[in-house]
């Protein structure tokens, strides 16, 4: 990963809040790695975000029964375990496959993975990007409009009024 890559892997920082995908290459790290839950502050309403990937059948699907059968197949223990293996460590939705997941990361104590996984499952909440209609368009607007702030061309105070105007127009367009 070298000195210009990920700041955690290059040794510039000692801790990083990331998803399980970052552990997929744990066997290639040139140092010992551990995992822990994201610390919680005094406000119990502020919790860790879970970036889950839902499986669903669209209401207008031409083949809803077949789609439902496909989802049932995807969440079987065998398929979930194979997914863990092929992905490098995507967390399973099938709880029976979780044991394979806990032991998937070379050099990391499976008990710690289990503790983080179960804690996230119990205390986390689904990311708002699954709950807001047209989230991808809203997110893209913010990314594009805040680029000038990130590169130092504008101050936040200068960018926000333009973002507000564009967001209002976007919402009017998509909510028709």
N, C-alpha and C. Protein backbone atom coordinates (compact mmCIF):
# COMPACT_ATOMS: atom_id res chain seq x y z
N UNK A 1 0.81 -1.19 0.00
CA UNK A 1 0.00 0.00 0.00
C UNK A 1 0.87 1.26 0.00
N UNK A 2 2.06 1.15 0.49
CA UNK A 2 3.04 2.22 0.35
C UNK A 2 2.71 3.50 1.09
N UNK A 3 3.61 4.46 0.97
CA UNK A 3 3.48 5.71 1.72
C UNK A 3 2.38 6.61 1.18
N UNK A 4 1.90 6.41 -0.04
CA UNK A 4 0.87 7.29 -0.60
C UNK A 4 -0.52 6.68 -0.55
N UNK A 5 -0.62 5.45 -0.02
CA UNK A 5 -1.91 4.77 0.02
C UNK A 5 -2.70 5.11 1.26
N UNK A 6 -3.43 4.15 1.72
CA UNK A 6 -4.26 4.27 2.90
C UNK A 6 -3.41 4.72 4.09
N UNK A 7 -3.82 5.79 4.79
CA UNK A 7 -3.00 6.28 5.90
C UNK A 7 -2.83 5.28 7.04
N UNK A 8 -3.82 4.40 7.24
CA UNK A 8 -3.68 3.36 8.27
C UNK A 8 -2.63 2.34 7.85
N UNK A 9 -2.73 1.86 6.61
CA UNK A 9 -1.79 0.84 6.15
C UNK A 9 -0.38 1.37 5.98
N UNK A 10 -0.25 2.68 5.74
CA UNK A 10 1.09 3.24 5.59
C UNK A 10 1.70 3.66 6.93
N UNK A 11 0.94 3.50 8.03
CA UNK A 11 1.48 3.79 9.36
C UNK A 11 1.34 5.23 9.79
N UNK A 12 0.60 6.04 9.05
CA UNK A 12 0.44 7.45 9.41
C UNK A 12 -0.59 7.65 10.52
N UNK A 13 -1.51 6.72 10.66
CA UNK A 13 -2.47 6.76 11.76
C UNK A 13 -2.55 5.39 12.40
N UNK A 14 -2.93 5.34 13.67
CA UNK A 14 -2.94 4.08 14.40
C UNK A 14 -4.31 3.45 14.55
N UNK A 15 -5.37 4.18 14.15
CA UNK A 15 -6.72 3.63 14.29
C UNK A 15 -7.57 4.25 13.19
N UNK A 16 -8.50 3.45 12.69
CA UNK A 16 -9.37 3.93 11.62
C UNK A 16 -10.74 3.31 11.79
N UNK A 17 -11.80 4.11 11.58
CA UNK A 17 -13.16 3.59 11.64
C UNK A 17 -13.54 3.22 10.21
N UNK A 18 -13.65 1.92 9.98
CA UNK A 18 -13.91 1.41 8.63
C UNK A 18 -14.86 0.22 8.71
N UNK A 19 -15.29 -0.23 7.56
CA UNK A 19 -16.13 -1.41 7.48
C UNK A 19 -15.30 -2.66 7.35
N UNK A 20 -15.99 -3.79 7.39
CA UNK A 20 -15.30 -5.08 7.36
C UNK A 20 -14.51 -5.29 6.08
N UNK A 21 -14.88 -4.61 5.00
CA UNK A 21 -14.18 -4.79 3.73
C UNK A 21 -12.70 -4.44 3.86
N UNK A 22 -12.37 -3.56 4.80
CA UNK A 22 -10.96 -3.17 4.96
C UNK A 22 -10.11 -4.30 5.53
N UNK A 23 -10.75 -5.31 6.11
CA UNK A 23 -10.00 -6.43 6.68
C UNK A 23 -9.78 -7.55 5.67
N UNK A 24 -10.35 -7.42 4.49
CA UNK A 24 -10.25 -8.50 3.49
C UNK A 24 -8.80 -8.87 3.20
N UNK A 25 -7.91 -7.91 3.27
CA UNK A 25 -6.50 -8.18 2.98
C UNK A 25 -5.67 -8.29 4.27
N UNK A 26 -6.31 -8.62 5.40
CA UNK A 26 -5.60 -8.64 6.68
C UNK A 26 -4.39 -9.57 6.67
N UNK A 27 -4.43 -10.62 5.87
CA UNK A 27 -3.29 -11.53 5.81
C UNK A 27 -2.07 -10.89 5.17
N UNK A 28 -2.27 -9.79 4.45
CA UNK A 28 -1.17 -9.11 3.77
C UNK A 28 -0.62 -7.93 4.58
N UNK A 29 -1.26 -7.58 5.70
CA UNK A 29 -0.77 -6.48 6.53
C UNK A 29 0.59 -6.85 7.07
N UNK A 30 1.49 -5.89 7.15
CA UNK A 30 2.82 -6.19 7.69
C UNK A 30 2.91 -5.83 9.17
N UNK A 31 1.75 -5.80 9.85
CA UNK A 31 1.70 -5.54 11.28
C UNK A 31 0.45 -6.21 11.86
N UNK A 32 0.44 -6.36 13.18
CA UNK A 32 -0.69 -7.00 13.86
C UNK A 32 -1.87 -6.02 13.92
N UNK A 33 -3.07 -6.55 13.69
CA UNK A 33 -4.27 -5.72 13.64
C UNK A 33 -5.29 -6.26 14.64
N UNK A 34 -6.02 -5.37 15.25
CA UNK A 34 -7.12 -5.75 16.12
C UNK A 34 -8.38 -5.02 15.68
N UNK A 35 -9.50 -5.36 16.26
CA UNK A 35 -10.76 -4.69 15.96
C UNK A 35 -11.46 -4.36 17.27
N UNK A 36 -12.28 -3.33 17.23
CA UNK A 36 -13.07 -2.93 18.39
C UNK A 36 -14.30 -2.19 17.89
N UNK A 37 -15.31 -2.15 18.73
CA UNK A 37 -16.51 -1.41 18.39
C UNK A 37 -16.21 0.08 18.35
N UNK A 38 -17.00 0.82 17.58
CA UNK A 38 -16.88 2.27 17.56
C UNK A 38 -17.32 2.77 18.93
N UNK A 39 -16.50 3.58 19.60
CA UNK A 39 -16.88 4.06 20.95
C UNK A 39 -18.16 4.87 20.90
N UNK A 40 -18.94 4.76 21.97
CA UNK A 40 -20.19 5.51 22.08
C UNK A 40 -20.00 6.62 23.09
N UNK A 41 -20.45 7.80 22.73
CA UNK A 41 -20.40 8.94 23.64
C UNK A 41 -21.59 8.95 24.57
N UNK A 42 -21.80 10.06 25.27
CA UNK A 42 -22.89 10.13 26.25
C UNK A 42 -24.29 10.18 25.64
N UNK A 43 -24.42 10.55 24.36
CA UNK A 43 -25.73 10.62 23.72
C UNK A 43 -26.08 9.26 23.15
N UNK A 44 -27.00 8.54 23.77
CA UNK A 44 -27.34 7.18 23.34
C UNK A 44 -28.03 7.15 21.99
N UNK A 45 -28.53 8.31 21.51
CA UNK A 45 -29.21 8.36 20.21
C UNK A 45 -28.20 8.38 19.06
N UNK A 46 -26.96 8.69 19.35
CA UNK A 46 -25.92 8.69 18.32
C UNK A 46 -25.25 7.33 18.37
N UNK A 47 -25.48 6.55 17.31
CA UNK A 47 -24.99 5.18 17.27
C UNK A 47 -24.24 4.92 15.98
N UNK A 48 -23.63 3.78 15.91
CA UNK A 48 -22.88 3.40 14.72
C UNK A 48 -23.84 3.12 13.56
N UNK A 49 -23.39 3.49 12.37
CA UNK A 49 -24.18 3.28 11.16
C UNK A 49 -23.82 1.94 10.56
N UNK A 50 -24.85 1.19 10.15
CA UNK A 50 -24.63 -0.09 9.49
C UNK A 50 -24.91 0.09 8.01
N UNK A 51 -23.93 -0.20 7.21
CA UNK A 51 -24.10 -0.09 5.75
C UNK A 51 -24.50 -1.46 5.22
N UNK A 52 -25.76 -1.75 5.37
CA UNK A 52 -26.29 -3.04 4.93
C UNK A 52 -26.69 -2.95 3.46
N UNK A 53 -26.69 -4.08 2.82
CA UNK A 53 -27.12 -4.13 1.43
C UNK A 53 -28.37 -4.99 1.36
N UNK A 54 -29.52 -4.35 1.25
CA UNK A 54 -30.77 -5.11 1.29
C UNK A 54 -31.01 -5.93 0.03
N UNK A 55 -31.69 -7.02 0.21
CA UNK A 55 -32.17 -7.84 -0.90
C UNK A 55 -33.68 -7.65 -0.94
N UNK A 56 -34.22 -7.30 -2.08
CA UNK A 56 -35.66 -7.05 -2.14
C UNK A 56 -36.19 -7.37 -3.53
N UNK A 57 -37.51 -7.50 -3.60
CA UNK A 57 -38.20 -7.72 -4.86
C UNK A 57 -39.01 -6.47 -5.14
N UNK A 58 -38.81 -5.90 -6.31
CA UNK A 58 -39.55 -4.69 -6.68
C UNK A 58 -41.03 -4.99 -6.83
N UNK A 59 -41.86 -4.04 -6.44
CA UNK A 59 -43.31 -4.28 -6.47
C UNK A 59 -43.82 -4.53 -7.89
N UNK A 60 -43.14 -4.00 -8.91
CA UNK A 60 -43.56 -4.18 -10.29
C UNK A 60 -42.80 -5.30 -11.01
N UNK A 61 -42.12 -6.14 -10.25
CA UNK A 61 -41.34 -7.22 -10.85
C UNK A 61 -42.24 -8.12 -11.69
N UNK A 62 -41.72 -8.54 -12.84
CA UNK A 62 -42.47 -9.46 -13.69
C UNK A 62 -42.40 -10.89 -13.16
N UNK A 63 -41.43 -11.14 -12.26
CA UNK A 63 -41.23 -12.49 -11.74
C UNK A 63 -41.00 -12.44 -10.22
N UNK A 64 -41.98 -11.98 -9.45
CA UNK A 64 -41.77 -11.83 -8.00
C UNK A 64 -41.52 -13.15 -7.28
N UNK A 65 -42.17 -14.21 -7.67
CA UNK A 65 -41.97 -15.50 -7.00
C UNK A 65 -40.56 -16.02 -7.24
N UNK A 66 -40.10 -15.89 -8.49
CA UNK A 66 -38.75 -16.35 -8.82
C UNK A 66 -37.70 -15.49 -8.11
N UNK A 67 -37.95 -14.18 -8.05
CA UNK A 67 -37.02 -13.28 -7.36
C UNK A 67 -36.95 -13.64 -5.87
N UNK A 68 -38.09 -13.94 -5.28
CA UNK A 68 -38.13 -14.33 -3.88
C UNK A 68 -37.37 -15.65 -3.67
N UNK A 69 -37.52 -16.59 -4.58
CA UNK A 69 -36.79 -17.86 -4.49
C UNK A 69 -35.28 -17.62 -4.59
N UNK A 70 -34.88 -16.70 -5.44
CA UNK A 70 -33.46 -16.35 -5.60
C UNK A 70 -32.91 -15.77 -4.29
N UNK A 71 -33.66 -14.89 -3.66
CA UNK A 71 -33.23 -14.30 -2.39
C UNK A 71 -33.11 -15.39 -1.33
N UNK A 72 -34.09 -16.28 -1.27
CA UNK A 72 -34.03 -17.38 -0.30
C UNK A 72 -32.77 -18.22 -0.52
N UNK A 73 -32.41 -18.45 -1.78
CA UNK A 73 -31.19 -19.20 -2.10
C UNK A 73 -29.95 -18.43 -1.65
N UNK A 74 -29.91 -17.13 -1.93
CA UNK A 74 -28.74 -16.31 -1.58
C UNK A 74 -28.44 -16.28 -0.09
N UNK A 75 -29.44 -16.45 0.73
CA UNK A 75 -29.22 -16.36 2.18
C UNK A 75 -29.07 -17.72 2.86
N UNK A 76 -28.98 -18.78 2.07
CA UNK A 76 -28.71 -20.09 2.67
C UNK A 76 -27.31 -20.09 3.27
N UNK A 77 -27.11 -20.96 4.23
CA UNK A 77 -25.81 -21.03 4.92
C UNK A 77 -24.67 -21.30 3.94
N UNK A 78 -24.85 -22.26 3.05
CA UNK A 78 -23.78 -22.60 2.10
C UNK A 78 -23.39 -21.41 1.23
N UNK A 79 -24.38 -20.72 0.68
CA UNK A 79 -24.10 -19.59 -0.21
C UNK A 79 -23.48 -18.43 0.58
N UNK A 80 -23.97 -18.20 1.78
CA UNK A 80 -23.41 -17.13 2.61
C UNK A 80 -21.95 -17.43 2.96
N UNK A 81 -21.65 -18.69 3.28
CA UNK A 81 -20.27 -19.05 3.60
C UNK A 81 -19.37 -18.89 2.38
N UNK A 82 -19.86 -19.26 1.22
CA UNK A 82 -19.08 -19.10 -0.02
C UNK A 82 -18.87 -17.61 -0.30
N UNK A 83 -19.87 -16.79 -0.03
CA UNK A 83 -19.76 -15.34 -0.22
C UNK A 83 -18.69 -14.74 0.69
N UNK A 84 -18.63 -15.21 1.91
CA UNK A 84 -17.59 -14.75 2.84
C UNK A 84 -16.22 -15.06 2.25
N UNK A 85 -16.06 -16.29 1.79
CA UNK A 85 -14.79 -16.74 1.22
C UNK A 85 -14.41 -15.93 -0.02
N UNK A 86 -15.34 -15.77 -0.95
CA UNK A 86 -15.04 -15.09 -2.21
C UNK A 86 -14.86 -13.58 -2.07
N UNK A 87 -15.54 -12.98 -1.10
CA UNK A 87 -15.49 -11.53 -0.94
C UNK A 87 -14.31 -11.08 -0.08
N UNK A 88 -13.72 -11.99 0.62
CA UNK A 88 -12.66 -11.61 1.55
C UNK A 88 -13.22 -11.30 2.93
N UNK A 89 -14.53 -11.37 3.09
CA UNK A 89 -15.08 -11.19 4.42
C UNK A 89 -16.30 -10.33 4.55
N UNK A 90 -17.21 -10.37 3.57
CA UNK A 90 -18.47 -9.65 3.76
C UNK A 90 -19.25 -10.31 4.88
N UNK A 91 -19.80 -9.53 5.81
CA UNK A 91 -20.57 -10.13 6.90
C UNK A 91 -21.82 -10.82 6.35
N UNK A 92 -22.16 -11.98 6.89
CA UNK A 92 -23.32 -12.71 6.40
C UNK A 92 -24.61 -12.22 7.04
N UNK A 93 -25.70 -12.37 6.31
CA UNK A 93 -27.01 -12.12 6.88
C UNK A 93 -27.49 -13.37 7.61
N UNK A 94 -27.03 -14.51 7.19
CA UNK A 94 -27.39 -15.79 7.77
C UNK A 94 -26.55 -15.99 9.03
N UNK A 95 -27.20 -16.07 10.17
CA UNK A 95 -26.48 -16.17 11.44
C UNK A 95 -25.71 -17.48 11.59
N UNK A 96 -26.12 -18.55 10.90
CA UNK A 96 -25.39 -19.81 10.95
C UNK A 96 -24.04 -19.68 10.25
N UNK A 97 -23.95 -18.80 9.26
CA UNK A 97 -22.70 -18.58 8.54
C UNK A 97 -21.76 -17.64 9.30
N UNK A 98 -22.25 -17.03 10.35
CA UNK A 98 -21.45 -16.05 11.08
C UNK A 98 -20.18 -16.66 11.67
N UNK A 99 -20.23 -17.91 12.12
CA UNK A 99 -19.03 -18.53 12.70
C UNK A 99 -17.88 -18.56 11.70
N UNK A 100 -18.17 -18.83 10.44
CA UNK A 100 -17.13 -18.80 9.41
C UNK A 100 -16.60 -17.38 9.25
N UNK A 101 -17.48 -16.42 9.33
CA UNK A 101 -17.09 -15.01 9.21
C UNK A 101 -16.13 -14.62 10.33
N UNK A 102 -16.44 -14.99 11.56
CA UNK A 102 -15.59 -14.61 12.70
C UNK A 102 -14.16 -15.10 12.54
N UNK A 103 -13.99 -16.27 11.97
CA UNK A 103 -12.66 -16.84 11.82
C UNK A 103 -12.00 -16.55 10.48
N UNK A 104 -12.56 -15.65 9.71
CA UNK A 104 -12.11 -15.41 8.34
C UNK A 104 -10.87 -14.53 8.23
N UNK A 105 -10.53 -13.79 9.27
CA UNK A 105 -9.48 -12.77 9.15
C UNK A 105 -8.21 -13.22 9.85
N UNK A 106 -7.22 -13.56 9.04
CA UNK A 106 -5.96 -14.08 9.54
C UNK A 106 -5.30 -13.09 10.50
N UNK A 107 -4.90 -13.61 11.67
CA UNK A 107 -4.19 -12.78 12.64
C UNK A 107 -5.09 -11.95 13.54
N UNK A 108 -6.42 -12.06 13.37
CA UNK A 108 -7.34 -11.30 14.21
C UNK A 108 -8.18 -12.30 15.00
N UNK A 109 -8.22 -12.12 16.30
CA UNK A 109 -8.93 -13.03 17.19
C UNK A 109 -10.41 -13.10 16.81
N UNK A 110 -10.92 -14.28 16.46
CA UNK A 110 -12.34 -14.42 16.09
C UNK A 110 -13.30 -13.92 17.17
N UNK A 111 -12.88 -14.00 18.45
CA UNK A 111 -13.74 -13.50 19.54
C UNK A 111 -13.97 -12.00 19.41
N UNK A 112 -12.94 -11.28 18.97
CA UNK A 112 -13.07 -9.82 18.79
C UNK A 112 -13.99 -9.50 17.62
N UNK A 113 -13.84 -10.24 16.53
CA UNK A 113 -14.71 -10.04 15.37
C UNK A 113 -16.16 -10.30 15.78
N UNK A 114 -16.39 -11.38 16.52
CA UNK A 114 -17.73 -11.72 16.98
C UNK A 114 -18.30 -10.62 17.88
N UNK A 115 -17.49 -10.11 18.77
CA UNK A 115 -17.94 -9.06 19.69
C UNK A 115 -18.36 -7.81 18.92
N UNK A 116 -17.56 -7.40 17.95
CA UNK A 116 -17.89 -6.21 17.15
C UNK A 116 -19.13 -6.46 16.31
N UNK A 117 -19.20 -7.62 15.67
CA UNK A 117 -20.33 -7.98 14.81
C UNK A 117 -21.63 -7.99 15.60
N UNK A 118 -21.63 -8.69 16.72
CA UNK A 118 -22.85 -8.77 17.53
C UNK A 118 -23.23 -7.42 18.13
N UNK A 119 -22.23 -6.64 18.52
CA UNK A 119 -22.52 -5.30 19.06
C UNK A 119 -23.12 -4.38 18.01
N UNK A 120 -22.59 -4.45 16.80
CA UNK A 120 -23.13 -3.62 15.72
C UNK A 120 -24.55 -4.04 15.40
N UNK A 121 -24.78 -5.33 15.36
CA UNK A 121 -26.11 -5.87 15.06
C UNK A 121 -27.12 -5.41 16.11
N UNK A 122 -26.69 -5.39 17.37
CA UNK A 122 -27.58 -5.02 18.48
C UNK A 122 -27.76 -3.51 18.59
N UNK A 123 -26.70 -2.73 18.39
CA UNK A 123 -26.74 -1.30 18.71
C UNK A 123 -26.71 -0.36 17.51
N UNK A 124 -26.39 -0.86 16.33
CA UNK A 124 -26.28 0.02 15.17
C UNK A 124 -27.64 0.31 14.55
N UNK A 125 -27.62 1.18 13.55
CA UNK A 125 -28.84 1.46 12.80
C UNK A 125 -28.52 1.52 11.32
N UNK A 126 -29.52 1.21 10.52
CA UNK A 126 -29.32 1.17 9.08
C UNK A 126 -29.00 2.57 8.55
N UNK A 127 -28.06 2.63 7.64
CA UNK A 127 -27.66 3.90 7.04
C UNK A 127 -28.85 4.58 6.37
N UNK A 128 -28.91 5.87 6.53
CA UNK A 128 -30.00 6.65 5.95
C UNK A 128 -30.02 6.60 4.43
N UNK A 129 -28.92 6.20 3.79
CA UNK A 129 -28.92 6.16 2.33
C UNK A 129 -29.89 5.12 1.79
N UNK A 130 -30.36 4.19 2.64
CA UNK A 130 -31.37 3.21 2.22
C UNK A 130 -32.79 3.71 2.51
N UNK A 131 -32.89 4.79 3.24
CA UNK A 131 -34.20 5.24 3.70
C UNK A 131 -34.65 6.56 3.09
N UNK A 132 -33.80 7.18 2.31
CA UNK A 132 -34.13 8.46 1.68
C UNK A 132 -34.28 8.25 0.19
N UNK A 133 -35.44 8.57 -0.31
CA UNK A 133 -35.69 8.45 -1.74
C UNK A 133 -34.75 9.38 -2.50
N UNK A 134 -34.18 8.89 -3.57
CA UNK A 134 -33.27 9.66 -4.43
C UNK A 134 -31.97 10.06 -3.72
N UNK A 135 -31.55 9.25 -2.75
CA UNK A 135 -30.35 9.55 -1.99
C UNK A 135 -29.13 9.74 -2.89
N UNK A 136 -28.98 8.89 -3.89
CA UNK A 136 -27.76 8.97 -4.72
C UNK A 136 -27.65 10.32 -5.43
N UNK A 137 -28.77 10.87 -5.87
CA UNK A 137 -28.73 12.18 -6.52
C UNK A 137 -28.39 13.28 -5.51
N UNK A 138 -28.94 13.18 -4.32
CA UNK A 138 -28.65 14.16 -3.26
C UNK A 138 -27.18 14.08 -2.88
N UNK A 139 -26.68 12.87 -2.68
CA UNK A 139 -25.28 12.68 -2.32
C UNK A 139 -24.35 13.23 -3.40
N UNK A 140 -24.66 12.96 -4.65
CA UNK A 140 -23.84 13.45 -5.76
C UNK A 140 -23.80 14.98 -5.77
N UNK A 141 -24.95 15.60 -5.50
CA UNK A 141 -24.99 17.06 -5.45
C UNK A 141 -24.03 17.59 -4.38
N UNK A 142 -24.07 16.99 -3.19
CA UNK A 142 -23.19 17.44 -2.10
C UNK A 142 -21.72 17.20 -2.44
N UNK A 143 -21.41 16.05 -3.00
CA UNK A 143 -20.02 15.75 -3.37
C UNK A 143 -19.51 16.80 -4.37
N UNK A 144 -20.30 17.06 -5.40
CA UNK A 144 -19.88 18.02 -6.43
C UNK A 144 -19.75 19.44 -5.87
N UNK A 145 -20.72 19.84 -5.08
CA UNK A 145 -20.74 21.22 -4.58
C UNK A 145 -19.71 21.46 -3.48
N UNK A 146 -19.37 20.44 -2.73
CA UNK A 146 -18.38 20.62 -1.66
C UNK A 146 -16.95 20.43 -2.13
N UNK A 147 -16.77 20.01 -3.37
CA UNK A 147 -15.41 19.84 -3.90
C UNK A 147 -14.63 21.14 -3.83
N UNK A 148 -15.29 22.27 -4.10
CA UNK A 148 -14.61 23.57 -4.06
C UNK A 148 -14.19 23.93 -2.63
N UNK A 149 -14.93 23.44 -1.64
CA UNK A 149 -14.55 23.67 -0.24
C UNK A 149 -13.36 22.78 0.11
N UNK A 150 -13.43 21.55 -0.31
CA UNK A 150 -12.36 20.60 0.00
C UNK A 150 -11.03 20.98 -0.63
N UNK A 151 -11.07 21.57 -1.82
CA UNK A 151 -9.81 21.96 -2.45
C UNK A 151 -9.37 23.38 -2.10
N UNK A 152 -10.15 24.06 -1.22
CA UNK A 152 -9.75 25.37 -0.72
C UNK A 152 -10.16 26.56 -1.56
N UNK A 153 -10.93 26.34 -2.64
CA UNK A 153 -11.36 27.46 -3.48
C UNK A 153 -12.46 28.29 -2.83
N UNK A 154 -13.28 27.67 -1.98
CA UNK A 154 -14.38 28.37 -1.32
C UNK A 154 -14.41 28.03 0.16
N UNK A 155 -14.99 28.91 0.93
CA UNK A 155 -15.26 28.63 2.34
C UNK A 155 -16.64 27.98 2.41
N UNK A 156 -16.88 27.23 3.46
CA UNK A 156 -18.16 26.56 3.63
C UNK A 156 -19.31 27.57 3.53
N UNK A 157 -19.14 28.71 4.17
CA UNK A 157 -20.18 29.74 4.18
C UNK A 157 -20.54 30.22 2.77
N UNK A 158 -19.57 30.17 1.88
CA UNK A 158 -19.81 30.60 0.50
C UNK A 158 -20.54 29.50 -0.30
N UNK A 159 -20.26 28.27 0.01
CA UNK A 159 -20.82 27.16 -0.77
C UNK A 159 -22.25 26.80 -0.35
N UNK A 160 -22.58 26.95 0.92
CA UNK A 160 -23.87 26.47 1.41
C UNK A 160 -25.09 27.10 0.76
N UNK A 161 -25.14 28.42 0.53
CA UNK A 161 -26.34 28.97 -0.12
C UNK A 161 -26.60 28.36 -1.50
N UNK A 162 -25.57 28.15 -2.28
CA UNK A 162 -25.72 27.53 -3.59
C UNK A 162 -26.19 26.09 -3.48
N UNK A 163 -25.68 25.38 -2.47
CA UNK A 163 -26.12 24.00 -2.24
C UNK A 163 -27.59 23.98 -1.87
N UNK A 164 -28.00 24.91 -1.01
CA UNK A 164 -29.40 24.97 -0.60
C UNK A 164 -30.31 25.18 -1.80
N UNK A 165 -29.94 26.11 -2.67
CA UNK A 165 -30.76 26.38 -3.87
C UNK A 165 -30.85 25.14 -4.77
N UNK A 166 -29.71 24.51 -5.03
CA UNK A 166 -29.69 23.33 -5.91
C UNK A 166 -30.42 22.15 -5.27
N UNK A 167 -30.31 22.01 -3.97
CA UNK A 167 -31.00 20.92 -3.28
C UNK A 167 -32.51 21.13 -3.34
N UNK A 168 -32.95 22.35 -3.13
CA UNK A 168 -34.38 22.65 -3.20
C UNK A 168 -34.92 22.34 -4.59
N UNK A 169 -34.20 22.73 -5.63
CA UNK A 169 -34.65 22.45 -7.01
C UNK A 169 -34.64 20.95 -7.29
N UNK A 170 -33.63 20.25 -6.81
CA UNK A 170 -33.55 18.81 -7.01
C UNK A 170 -34.75 18.12 -6.34
N UNK A 171 -35.04 18.48 -5.11
CA UNK A 171 -36.15 17.86 -4.38
C UNK A 171 -37.49 18.17 -5.05
N UNK A 172 -37.64 19.38 -5.55
CA UNK A 172 -38.88 19.72 -6.26
C UNK A 172 -39.03 18.85 -7.50
N UNK A 173 -37.92 18.62 -8.20
CA UNK A 173 -37.95 17.83 -9.43
C UNK A 173 -38.25 16.35 -9.16
N UNK A 174 -37.59 15.77 -8.18
CA UNK A 174 -37.74 14.34 -7.95
C UNK A 174 -39.00 13.97 -7.16
N UNK A 175 -39.58 14.94 -6.49
CA UNK A 175 -40.79 14.67 -5.69
C UNK A 175 -42.08 15.01 -6.40
N UNK A 176 -42.02 15.22 -7.71
CA UNK A 176 -43.24 15.53 -8.47
C UNK A 176 -44.13 14.33 -8.57
